[in-house]
PDB file of N, CA and C in Angstrom:
ATOM      1  N   UNK A   1     -27.422 -17.766  24.135  1.00  0.00           N
ATOM      2  CA  UNK A   1     -26.735 -18.900  23.555  1.00  0.00           C
ATOM      3  C   UNK A   1     -27.050 -19.025  22.065  1.00  0.00           C
ATOM      4  N   UNK A   2     -28.215 -18.579  21.644  1.00  0.00           N
ATOM      5  CA  UNK A   2     -28.569 -18.699  20.232  1.00  0.00           C
ATOM      6  C   UNK A   2     -28.027 -17.542  19.395  1.00  0.00           C
ATOM      7  N   UNK A   3     -27.633 -16.447  20.027  1.00  0.00           N
ATOM      8  CA  UNK A   3     -27.137 -15.284  19.277  1.00  0.00           C
ATOM      9  C   UNK A   3     -25.917 -15.611  18.428  1.00  0.00           C
ATOM     10  N   UNK A   4     -24.923 -16.338  18.929  1.00  0.00           N
ATOM     11  CA  UNK A   4     -23.780 -16.661  18.061  1.00  0.00           C
ATOM     12  C   UNK A   4     -24.192 -17.460  16.831  1.00  0.00           C
ATOM     13  N   UNK A   5     -25.158 -18.356  16.976  1.00  0.00           N
ATOM     14  CA  UNK A   5     -25.589 -19.156  15.830  1.00  0.00           C
ATOM     15  C   UNK A   5     -26.316 -18.300  14.794  1.00  0.00           C
ATOM     16  N   UNK A   6     -27.062 -17.324  15.257  1.00  0.00           N
ATOM     17  CA  UNK A   6     -27.733 -16.414  14.324  1.00  0.00           C
ATOM     18  C   UNK A   6     -26.695 -15.624  13.532  1.00  0.00           C
ATOM     19  N   UNK A   7     -25.674 -15.142  14.209  1.00  0.00           N
ATOM     20  CA  UNK A   7     -24.601 -14.410  13.534  1.00  0.00           C
ATOM     21  C   UNK A   7     -23.886 -15.314  12.540  1.00  0.00           C
ATOM     22  N   UNK A   8     -23.606 -16.540  12.945  1.00  0.00           N
ATOM     23  CA  UNK A   8     -22.936 -17.492  12.053  1.00  0.00           C
ATOM     24  C   UNK A   8     -23.786 -17.756  10.819  1.00  0.00           C
ATOM     25  N   UNK A   9     -25.081 -17.933  10.982  1.00  0.00           N
ATOM     26  CA  UNK A   9     -25.968 -18.178   9.844  1.00  0.00           C
ATOM     27  C   UNK A   9     -26.032 -16.974   8.902  1.00  0.00           C
ATOM     28  N   UNK A  10     -26.108 -15.772   9.462  1.00  0.00           N
ATOM     29  CA  UNK A  10     -26.100 -14.570   8.626  1.00  0.00           C
ATOM     30  C   UNK A  10     -24.787 -14.437   7.860  1.00  0.00           C
ATOM     31  N   UNK A  11     -23.691 -14.694   8.532  1.00  0.00           N
ATOM     32  CA  UNK A  11     -22.395 -14.599   7.855  1.00  0.00           C
ATOM     33  C   UNK A  11     -22.248 -15.670   6.782  1.00  0.00           C
ATOM     34  N   UNK A  12     -22.743 -16.863   7.037  1.00  0.00           N
ATOM     35  CA  UNK A  12     -22.700 -17.918   6.022  1.00  0.00           C
ATOM     36  C   UNK A  12     -23.538 -17.529   4.814  1.00  0.00           C
ATOM     37  N   UNK A  13     -24.713 -16.974   5.047  1.00  0.00           N
ATOM     38  CA  UNK A  13     -25.573 -16.531   3.939  1.00  0.00           C
ATOM     39  C   UNK A  13     -24.911 -15.407   3.153  1.00  0.00           C
ATOM     40  N   UNK A  14     -24.287 -14.481   3.849  1.00  0.00           N
ATOM     41  CA  UNK A  14     -23.605 -13.383   3.166  1.00  0.00           C
ATOM     42  C   UNK A  14     -22.422 -13.898   2.345  1.00  0.00           C
ATOM     43  N   UNK A  15     -21.665 -14.831   2.887  1.00  0.00           N
ATOM     44  CA  UNK A  15     -20.540 -15.412   2.154  1.00  0.00           C
ATOM     45  C   UNK A  15     -21.024 -16.122   0.898  1.00  0.00           C
ATOM     46  N   UNK A  16     -22.089 -16.898   1.023  1.00  0.00           N
ATOM     47  CA  UNK A  16     -22.655 -17.594  -0.128  1.00  0.00           C
ATOM     48  C   UNK A  16     -23.141 -16.600  -1.175  1.00  0.00           C
ATOM     49  N   UNK A  17     -23.787 -15.520  -0.737  1.00  0.00           N
ATOM     50  CA  UNK A  17     -24.285 -14.509  -1.675  1.00  0.00           C
ATOM     51  C   UNK A  17     -23.137 -13.825  -2.411  1.00  0.00           C
ATOM     52  N   UNK A  18     -22.066 -13.535  -1.697  1.00  0.00           N
ATOM     53  CA  UNK A  18     -20.903 -12.905  -2.333  1.00  0.00           C
ATOM     54  C   UNK A  18     -20.299 -13.835  -3.374  1.00  0.00           C
ATOM     55  N   UNK A  19     -20.157 -15.093  -3.045  1.00  0.00           N
ATOM     56  CA  UNK A  19     -19.588 -16.058  -4.003  1.00  0.00           C
ATOM     57  C   UNK A  19     -20.503 -16.246  -5.203  1.00  0.00           C
ATOM     58  N   UNK A  20     -21.784 -16.337  -4.979  1.00  0.00           N
ATOM     59  CA  UNK A  20     -22.730 -16.502  -6.071  1.00  0.00           C
ATOM     60  C   UNK A  20     -22.728 -15.271  -6.986  1.00  0.00           C
ATOM     61  N   UNK A  21     -22.653 -14.096  -6.398  1.00  0.00           N
ATOM     62  CA  UNK A  21     -22.549 -12.874  -7.196  1.00  0.00           C
ATOM     63  C   UNK A  21     -21.289 -12.892  -8.045  1.00  0.00           C
ATOM     64  N   UNK A  22     -20.182 -13.355  -7.476  1.00  0.00           N
ATOM     65  CA  UNK A  22     -18.939 -13.448  -8.238  1.00  0.00           C
ATOM     66  C   UNK A  22     -19.062 -14.377  -9.438  1.00  0.00           C
ATOM     67  N   UNK A  23     -19.772 -15.471  -9.269  1.00  0.00           N
ATOM     68  CA  UNK A  23     -19.980 -16.404 -10.380  1.00  0.00           C
ATOM     69  C   UNK A  23     -20.785 -15.727 -11.483  1.00  0.00           C
ATOM     70  N   UNK A  24     -21.873 -15.051 -11.121  1.00  0.00           N
ATOM     71  CA  UNK A  24     -22.705 -14.395 -12.126  1.00  0.00           C
ATOM     72  C   UNK A  24     -21.976 -13.244 -12.809  1.00  0.00           C
ATOM     73  N   UNK A  25     -21.230 -12.461 -12.062  1.00  0.00           N
ATOM     74  CA  UNK A  25     -20.473 -11.362 -12.664  1.00  0.00           C
ATOM     75  C   UNK A  25     -19.374 -11.920 -13.568  1.00  0.00           C
ATOM     76  N   UNK A  26     -18.709 -12.987 -13.133  1.00  0.00           N
ATOM     77  CA  UNK A  26     -17.661 -13.598 -13.932  1.00  0.00           C
ATOM     78  C   UNK A  26     -18.167 -14.132 -15.253  1.00  0.00           C
ATOM     79  N   UNK A  27     -19.387 -14.643 -15.284  1.00  0.00           N
ATOM     80  CA  UNK A  27     -19.963 -15.159 -16.521  1.00  0.00           C
ATOM     81  C   UNK A  27     -20.319 -14.043 -17.494  1.00  0.00           C
ATOM     82  N   UNK A  28     -20.534 -12.852 -16.984  1.00  0.00           N
ATOM     83  CA  UNK A  28     -20.919 -11.748 -17.861  1.00  0.00           C
ATOM     84  C   UNK A  28     -19.716 -10.993 -18.419  1.00  0.00           C
ATOM     85  N   UNK A  29     -18.510 -11.313 -17.955  1.00  0.00           N
ATOM     86  CA  UNK A  29     -17.319 -10.644 -18.470  1.00  0.00           C
ATOM     87  C   UNK A  29     -17.001 -11.124 -19.879  1.00  0.00           C
ATOM     88  N   UNK A  30     -16.432 -10.250 -20.701  1.00  0.00           N
ATOM     89  CA  UNK A  30     -16.111 -10.666 -22.066  1.00  0.00           C
ATOM     90  C   UNK A  30     -15.025 -11.745 -22.086  1.00  0.00           C
ATOM     91  N   UNK A  31     -15.148 -12.680 -23.036  1.00  0.00           N
ATOM     92  CA  UNK A  31     -14.188 -13.770 -23.166  1.00  0.00           C
ATOM     93  C   UNK A  31     -13.117 -13.461 -24.207  1.00  0.00           C
ATOM     94  N   UNK A  32     -13.328 -12.448 -25.023  1.00  0.00           N
ATOM     95  CA  UNK A  32     -12.373 -12.058 -26.055  1.00  0.00           C
ATOM     96  C   UNK A  32     -12.278 -10.545 -26.088  1.00  0.00           C
ATOM     97  N   UNK A  33     -11.196 -10.063 -26.677  1.00  0.00           N
ATOM     98  CA  UNK A  33     -11.039  -8.625 -26.841  1.00  0.00           C
ATOM     99  C   UNK A  33     -10.073  -8.026 -25.844  1.00  0.00           C
ATOM    100  N   UNK A  34     -10.026  -6.708 -25.892  1.00  0.00           N
ATOM    101  CA  UNK A  34      -9.064  -5.960 -25.083  1.00  0.00           C
ATOM    102  C   UNK A  34      -9.312  -6.118 -23.588  1.00  0.00           C
ATOM    103  N   UNK A  35     -10.550  -6.066 -23.168  1.00  0.00           N
ATOM    104  CA  UNK A  35     -10.867  -6.188 -21.736  1.00  0.00           C
ATOM    105  C   UNK A  35     -10.509  -7.585 -21.219  1.00  0.00           C
ATOM    106  N   UNK A  36     -10.782  -8.610 -22.012  1.00  0.00           N
ATOM    107  CA  UNK A  36     -10.445  -9.982 -21.603  1.00  0.00           C
ATOM    108  C   UNK A  36      -8.931 -10.137 -21.455  1.00  0.00           C
ATOM    109  N   UNK A  37      -8.163  -9.558 -22.373  1.00  0.00           N
ATOM    110  CA  UNK A  37      -6.695  -9.638 -22.260  1.00  0.00           C
ATOM    111  C   UNK A  37      -6.202  -8.903 -21.014  1.00  0.00           C
ATOM    112  N   UNK A  38      -6.800  -7.756 -20.713  1.00  0.00           N
ATOM    113  CA  UNK A  38      -6.412  -7.005 -19.514  1.00  0.00           C
ATOM    114  C   UNK A  38      -6.726  -7.791 -18.249  1.00  0.00           C
ATOM    115  N   UNK A  39      -7.896  -8.431 -18.205  1.00  0.00           N
ATOM    116  CA  UNK A  39      -8.256  -9.220 -17.031  1.00  0.00           C
ATOM    117  C   UNK A  39      -7.378 -10.451 -16.881  1.00  0.00           C
ATOM    118  N   UNK A  40      -6.950 -11.040 -17.992  1.00  0.00           N
ATOM    119  CA  UNK A  40      -6.036 -12.186 -17.921  1.00  0.00           C
ATOM    120  C   UNK A  40      -4.664 -11.782 -17.415  1.00  0.00           C
ATOM    121  N   UNK A  41      -4.244 -10.545 -17.672  1.00  0.00           N
ATOM    122  CA  UNK A  41      -2.938 -10.072 -17.225  1.00  0.00           C
ATOM    123  C   UNK A  41      -2.968  -9.564 -15.788  1.00  0.00           C
ATOM    124  N   UNK A  42      -4.136  -9.376 -15.231  1.00  0.00           N
ATOM    125  CA  UNK A  42      -4.268  -8.774 -13.902  1.00  0.00           C
ATOM    126  C   UNK A  42      -3.546  -9.522 -12.780  1.00  0.00           C
ATOM    127  N   UNK A  43      -3.624 -10.858 -12.660  1.00  0.00           N
ATOM    128  CA  UNK A  43      -2.914 -11.530 -11.556  1.00  0.00           C
ATOM    129  C   UNK A  43      -1.411 -11.284 -11.586  1.00  0.00           C
ATOM    130  N   UNK A  44      -0.807 -11.330 -12.751  1.00  0.00           N
ATOM    131  CA  UNK A  44       0.630 -11.056 -12.856  1.00  0.00           C
ATOM    132  C   UNK A  44       0.970  -9.631 -12.470  1.00  0.00           C
ATOM    133  N   UNK A  45       0.114  -8.694 -12.847  1.00  0.00           N
ATOM    134  CA  UNK A  45       0.333  -7.290 -12.496  1.00  0.00           C
ATOM    135  C   UNK A  45       0.254  -7.082 -10.984  1.00  0.00           C
ATOM    136  N   UNK A  46      -0.683  -7.775 -10.345  1.00  0.00           N
ATOM    137  CA  UNK A  46      -0.814  -7.646  -8.895  1.00  0.00           C
ATOM    138  C   UNK A  46       0.408  -8.218  -8.176  1.00  0.00           C
ATOM    139  N   UNK A  47       0.890  -9.357  -8.646  1.00  0.00           N
ATOM    140  CA  UNK A  47       2.088  -9.948  -8.037  1.00  0.00           C
ATOM    141  C   UNK A  47       3.273  -9.018  -8.221  1.00  0.00           C
ATOM    142  N   UNK A  48       3.438  -8.462  -9.419  1.00  0.00           N
ATOM    143  CA  UNK A  48       4.543  -7.539  -9.680  1.00  0.00           C
ATOM    144  C   UNK A  48       4.460  -6.315  -8.773  1.00  0.00           C
ATOM    145  N   UNK A  49       3.254  -5.804  -8.555  1.00  0.00           N
ATOM    146  CA  UNK A  49       3.092  -4.642  -7.678  1.00  0.00           C
ATOM    147  C   UNK A  49       3.442  -4.980  -6.230  1.00  0.00           C
ATOM    148  N   UNK A  50       3.028  -6.161  -5.772  1.00  0.00           N
ATOM    149  CA  UNK A  50       3.352  -6.564  -4.403  1.00  0.00           C
ATOM    150  C   UNK A  50       4.856  -6.762  -4.220  1.00  0.00           C
ATOM    151  N   UNK A  51       5.501  -7.380  -5.202  1.00  0.00           N
ATOM    152  CA  UNK A  51       6.953  -7.592  -5.124  1.00  0.00           C
ATOM    153  C   UNK A  51       7.679  -6.254  -5.165  1.00  0.00           C
ATOM    154  N   UNK A  52       7.250  -5.364  -6.044  1.00  0.00           N
ATOM    155  CA  UNK A  52       7.901  -4.053  -6.147  1.00  0.00           C
ATOM    156  C   UNK A  52       7.777  -3.277  -4.836  1.00  0.00           C
ATOM    157  N   UNK A  53       6.623  -3.336  -4.211  1.00  0.00           N
ATOM    158  CA  UNK A  53       6.442  -2.648  -2.936  1.00  0.00           C
ATOM    159  C   UNK A  53       7.330  -3.254  -1.860  1.00  0.00           C
ATOM    160  N   UNK A  54       7.430  -4.574  -1.829  1.00  0.00           N
ATOM    161  CA  UNK A  54       8.285  -5.227  -0.836  1.00  0.00           C
ATOM    162  C   UNK A  54       9.746  -4.874  -1.052  1.00  0.00           C
ATOM    163  N   UNK A  55      10.165  -4.816  -2.302  1.00  0.00           N
ATOM    164  CA  UNK A  55      11.560  -4.486  -2.586  1.00  0.00           C
ATOM    165  C   UNK A  55      11.861  -3.026  -2.291  1.00  0.00           C
ATOM    166  N   UNK A  56      10.878  -2.146  -2.490  1.00  0.00           N
ATOM    167  CA  UNK A  56      11.134  -0.725  -2.238  1.00  0.00           C
ATOM    168  C   UNK A  56      11.331  -0.434  -0.756  1.00  0.00           C
ATOM    169  N   UNK A  57      10.730  -1.246   0.101  1.00  0.00           N
ATOM    170  CA  UNK A  57      10.894  -1.039   1.541  1.00  0.00           C
ATOM    171  C   UNK A  57      11.820  -2.073   2.172  1.00  0.00           C
ATOM    172  N   UNK A  58      12.261  -3.048   1.390  1.00  0.00           N
ATOM    173  CA  UNK A  58      13.082  -4.129   1.924  1.00  0.00           C
ATOM    174  C   UNK A  58      14.560  -3.792   1.921  1.00  0.00           C
ATOM    175  N   UNK A  59      15.297  -4.644   2.583  1.00  0.00           N
ATOM    176  CA  UNK A  59      16.737  -4.484   2.675  1.00  0.00           C
ATOM    177  C   UNK A  59      17.465  -5.524   1.836  1.00  0.00           C
ATOM    178  N   UNK A  60      18.704  -5.776   2.179  1.00  0.00           N
ATOM    179  CA  UNK A  60      19.513  -6.728   1.411  1.00  0.00           C
ATOM    180  C   UNK A  60      18.938  -8.146   1.390  1.00  0.00           C
ATOM    181  N   UNK A  61      18.294  -8.572   2.446  1.00  0.00           N
ATOM    182  CA  UNK A  61      17.720  -9.924   2.480  1.00  0.00           C
ATOM    183  C   UNK A  61      16.626 -10.070   1.424  1.00  0.00           C
ATOM    184  N   UNK A  62      15.768  -9.068   1.314  1.00  0.00           N
ATOM    185  CA  UNK A  62      14.688  -9.128   0.337  1.00  0.00           C
ATOM    186  C   UNK A  62      15.220  -9.057  -1.092  1.00  0.00           C
ATOM    187  N   UNK A  63      16.237  -8.231  -1.313  1.00  0.00           N
ATOM    188  CA  UNK A  63      16.821  -8.134  -2.650  1.00  0.00           C
ATOM    189  C   UNK A  63      17.539  -9.427  -3.030  1.00  0.00           C
ATOM    190  N   UNK A  64      18.186 -10.048  -2.062  1.00  0.00           N
ATOM    191  CA  UNK A  64      18.840 -11.336  -2.320  1.00  0.00           C
ATOM    192  C   UNK A  64      17.802 -12.394  -2.669  1.00  0.00           C
ATOM    193  N   UNK A  65      16.729 -12.436  -1.919  1.00  0.00           N
ATOM    194  CA  UNK A  65      15.670 -13.406  -2.184  1.00  0.00           C
ATOM    195  C   UNK A  65      15.030 -13.159  -3.542  1.00  0.00           C
ATOM    196  N   UNK A  66      14.828 -11.907  -3.906  1.00  0.00           N
ATOM    197  CA  UNK A  66      14.248 -11.593  -5.212  1.00  0.00           C
ATOM    198  C   UNK A  66      15.167 -12.046  -6.340  1.00  0.00           C
ATOM    199  N   UNK A  67      16.467 -11.882  -6.154  1.00  0.00           N
ATOM    200  CA  UNK A  67      17.419 -12.323  -7.164  1.00  0.00           C
ATOM    201  C   UNK A  67      17.399 -13.842  -7.299  1.00  0.00           C
ATOM    202  N   UNK A  68      17.384 -14.540  -6.172  1.00  0.00           N
ATOM    203  CA  UNK A  68      17.333 -16.006  -6.195  1.00  0.00           C
ATOM    204  C   UNK A  68      16.025 -16.472  -6.843  1.00  0.00           C
ATOM    205  N   UNK A  69      14.907 -15.841  -6.492  1.00  0.00           N
ATOM    206  CA  UNK A  69      13.616 -16.235  -7.064  1.00  0.00           C
ATOM    207  C   UNK A  69      13.580 -15.967  -8.569  1.00  0.00           C
ATOM    208  N   UNK A  70      14.113 -14.836  -9.000  1.00  0.00           N
ATOM    209  CA  UNK A  70      14.134 -14.528 -10.436  1.00  0.00           C
ATOM    210  C   UNK A  70      14.999 -15.528 -11.189  1.00  0.00           C
ATOM    211  N   UNK A  71      16.156 -15.870 -10.641  1.00  0.00           N
ATOM    212  CA  UNK A  71      17.031 -16.851 -11.296  1.00  0.00           C
ATOM    213  C   UNK A  71      16.360 -18.220 -11.366  1.00  0.00           C
ATOM    214  N   UNK A  72      15.660 -18.586 -10.297  1.00  0.00           N
ATOM    215  CA  UNK A  72      14.950 -19.863 -10.284  1.00  0.00           C
ATOM    216  C   UNK A  72      13.822 -19.864 -11.309  1.00  0.00           C
ATOM    217  N   UNK A  73      13.108 -18.761 -11.409  1.00  0.00           N
ATOM    218  CA  UNK A  73      12.009 -18.664 -12.371  1.00  0.00           C
ATOM    219  C   UNK A  73      12.522 -18.780 -13.804  1.00  0.00           C
ATOM    220  N   UNK A  74      13.621 -18.120 -14.089  1.00  0.00           N
ATOM    221  CA  UNK A  74      14.188 -18.175 -15.436  1.00  0.00           C
ATOM    222  C   UNK A  74      14.693 -19.578 -15.747  1.00  0.00           C
ATOM    223  N   UNK A  75      15.335 -20.203 -14.773  1.00  0.00           N
ATOM    224  CA  UNK A  75      15.939 -21.518 -15.010  1.00  0.00           C
ATOM    225  C   UNK A  75      14.912 -22.641 -15.085  1.00  0.00           C
ATOM    226  N   UNK A  76      13.869 -22.581 -14.249  1.00  0.00           N
ATOM    227  CA  UNK A  76      12.956 -23.723 -14.150  1.00  0.00           C
ATOM    228  C   UNK A  76      11.568 -23.488 -14.740  1.00  0.00           C
ATOM    229  N   UNK A  77      11.148 -22.238 -14.829  1.00  0.00           N
ATOM    230  CA  UNK A  77       9.793 -21.907 -15.272  1.00  0.00           C
ATOM    231  C   UNK A  77       8.728 -22.607 -14.419  1.00  0.00           C
ATOM    232  N   UNK A  78       9.038 -22.801 -13.139  1.00  0.00           N
ATOM    233  CA  UNK A  78       8.120 -23.464 -12.216  1.00  0.00           C
ATOM    234  C   UNK A  78       7.735 -22.489 -11.111  1.00  0.00           C
ATOM    235  N   UNK A  79       6.445 -22.142 -11.044  1.00  0.00           N
ATOM    236  CA  UNK A  79       5.988 -21.207 -10.026  1.00  0.00           C
ATOM    237  C   UNK A  79       6.172 -21.746  -8.609  1.00  0.00           C
ATOM    238  N   UNK A  80       5.773 -22.989  -8.304  1.00  0.00           N
ATOM    239  CA  UNK A  80       5.975 -23.475  -6.933  1.00  0.00           C
ATOM    240  C   UNK A  80       7.452 -23.512  -6.527  1.00  0.00           C
ATOM    241  N   UNK A  81       8.316 -23.921  -7.441  1.00  0.00           N
ATOM    242  CA  UNK A  81       9.743 -23.964  -7.132  1.00  0.00           C
ATOM    243  C   UNK A  81      10.297 -22.554  -6.936  1.00  0.00           C
ATOM    244  N   UNK A  82       9.837 -21.610  -7.743  1.00  0.00           N
ATOM    245  CA  UNK A  82      10.261 -20.217  -7.604  1.00  0.00           C
ATOM    246  C   UNK A  82       9.842 -19.660  -6.248  1.00  0.00           C
ATOM    247  N   UNK A  83       8.591 -19.936  -5.853  1.00  0.00           N
ATOM    248  CA  UNK A  83       8.116 -19.447  -4.558  1.00  0.00           C
ATOM    249  C   UNK A  83       8.898 -20.073  -3.413  1.00  0.00           C
ATOM    250  N   UNK A  84       9.137 -21.367  -3.499  1.00  0.00           N
ATOM    251  CA  UNK A  84       9.893 -22.045  -2.444  1.00  0.00           C
ATOM    252  C   UNK A  84      11.316 -21.513  -2.366  1.00  0.00           C
ATOM    253  N   UNK A  85      11.949 -21.292  -3.509  1.00  0.00           N
ATOM    254  CA  UNK A  85      13.318 -20.764  -3.514  1.00  0.00           C
ATOM    255  C   UNK A  85      13.356 -19.358  -2.929  1.00  0.00           C
ATOM    256  N   UNK A  86      12.384 -18.522  -3.269  1.00  0.00           N
ATOM    257  CA  UNK A  86      12.342 -17.164  -2.728  1.00  0.00           C
ATOM    258  C   UNK A  86      12.125 -17.138  -1.230  1.00  0.00           C
ATOM    259  N   UNK A  87      11.214 -17.979  -0.744  1.00  0.00           N
ATOM    260  CA  UNK A  87      10.951 -18.037   0.692  1.00  0.00           C
ATOM    261  C   UNK A  87      12.174 -18.549   1.439  1.00  0.00           C
ATOM    262  N   UNK A  88      12.783 -19.605   0.918  1.00  0.00           N
ATOM    263  CA  UNK A  88      13.985 -20.149   1.561  1.00  0.00           C
ATOM    264  C   UNK A  88      15.109 -19.124   1.544  1.00  0.00           C
ATOM    265  N   UNK A  89      15.257 -18.421   0.423  1.00  0.00           N
ATOM    266  CA  UNK A  89      16.339 -17.438   0.315  1.00  0.00           C
ATOM    267  C   UNK A  89      16.151 -16.283   1.290  1.00  0.00           C
ATOM    268  N   UNK A  90      14.926 -15.800   1.450  1.00  0.00           N
ATOM    269  CA  UNK A  90      14.718 -14.690   2.375  1.00  0.00           C
ATOM    270  C   UNK A  90      14.932 -15.144   3.819  1.00  0.00           C
ATOM    271  N   UNK A  91      14.534 -16.372   4.145  1.00  0.00           N
ATOM    272  CA  UNK A  91      14.775 -16.870   5.508  1.00  0.00           C
ATOM    273  C   UNK A  91      16.263 -17.012   5.796  1.00  0.00           C
ATOM    274  N   UNK A  92      16.998 -17.577   4.849  1.00  0.00           N
ATOM    275  CA  UNK A  92      18.461 -17.743   5.021  1.00  0.00           C
ATOM    276  C   UNK A  92      19.141 -16.382   5.060  1.00  0.00           C
ATOM    277  N   UNK A  93      18.750 -15.487   4.166  1.00  0.00           N
ATOM    278  CA  UNK A  93      19.387 -14.166   4.115  1.00  0.00           C
ATOM    279  C   UNK A  93      19.112 -13.367   5.384  1.00  0.00           C
ATOM    280  N   UNK A  94      17.891 -13.434   5.893  1.00  0.00           N
ATOM    281  CA  UNK A  94      17.591 -12.717   7.129  1.00  0.00           C
ATOM    282  C   UNK A  94      18.372 -13.273   8.313  1.00  0.00           C
ATOM    283  N   UNK A  95      18.540 -14.596   8.345  1.00  0.00           N
ATOM    284  CA  UNK A  95      19.311 -15.198   9.428  1.00  0.00           C
ATOM    285  C   UNK A  95      20.791 -14.844   9.309  1.00  0.00           C
ATOM    286  N   UNK A  96      21.303 -14.793   8.077  1.00  0.00           N
ATOM    287  CA  UNK A  96      22.722 -14.519   7.877  1.00  0.00           C
ATOM    288  C   UNK A  96      23.039 -13.029   8.008  1.00  0.00           C
ATOM    289  N   UNK A  97      22.133 -12.183   7.544  1.00  0.00           N
ATOM    290  CA  UNK A  97      22.403 -10.729   7.550  1.00  0.00           C
ATOM    291  C   UNK A  97      21.907 -10.035   8.806  1.00  0.00           C
ATOM    292  N   UNK A  98      21.176 -10.750   9.600  1.00  0.00           N
ATOM    293  CA  UNK A  98      20.761 -10.166  10.871  1.00  0.00           C
ATOM    294  C   UNK A  98      19.409  -9.634  10.797  1.00  0.00           C
TER     295      UNK A  98
END
């Protein structure tokens, strides 16, 4: 009966250690310069890579949703609205296109 609690405690300690390490590593990263600019651009690059992969294997529903999301992003410049429009568009397109 105590074995699950021991595992839970070890996992909690490991999670805390990983997060604490991330804080210390994050503080040691440069705040200016070429590396800092590259790290600031990284989230956008990851999203672009995920979208590109989805579109390369997706069908008409995914391409329709990407078009709707891109138009929403250009028109509103709102990330939450863009995400909601893309999700709604892919759901509607999948239902309509089969």
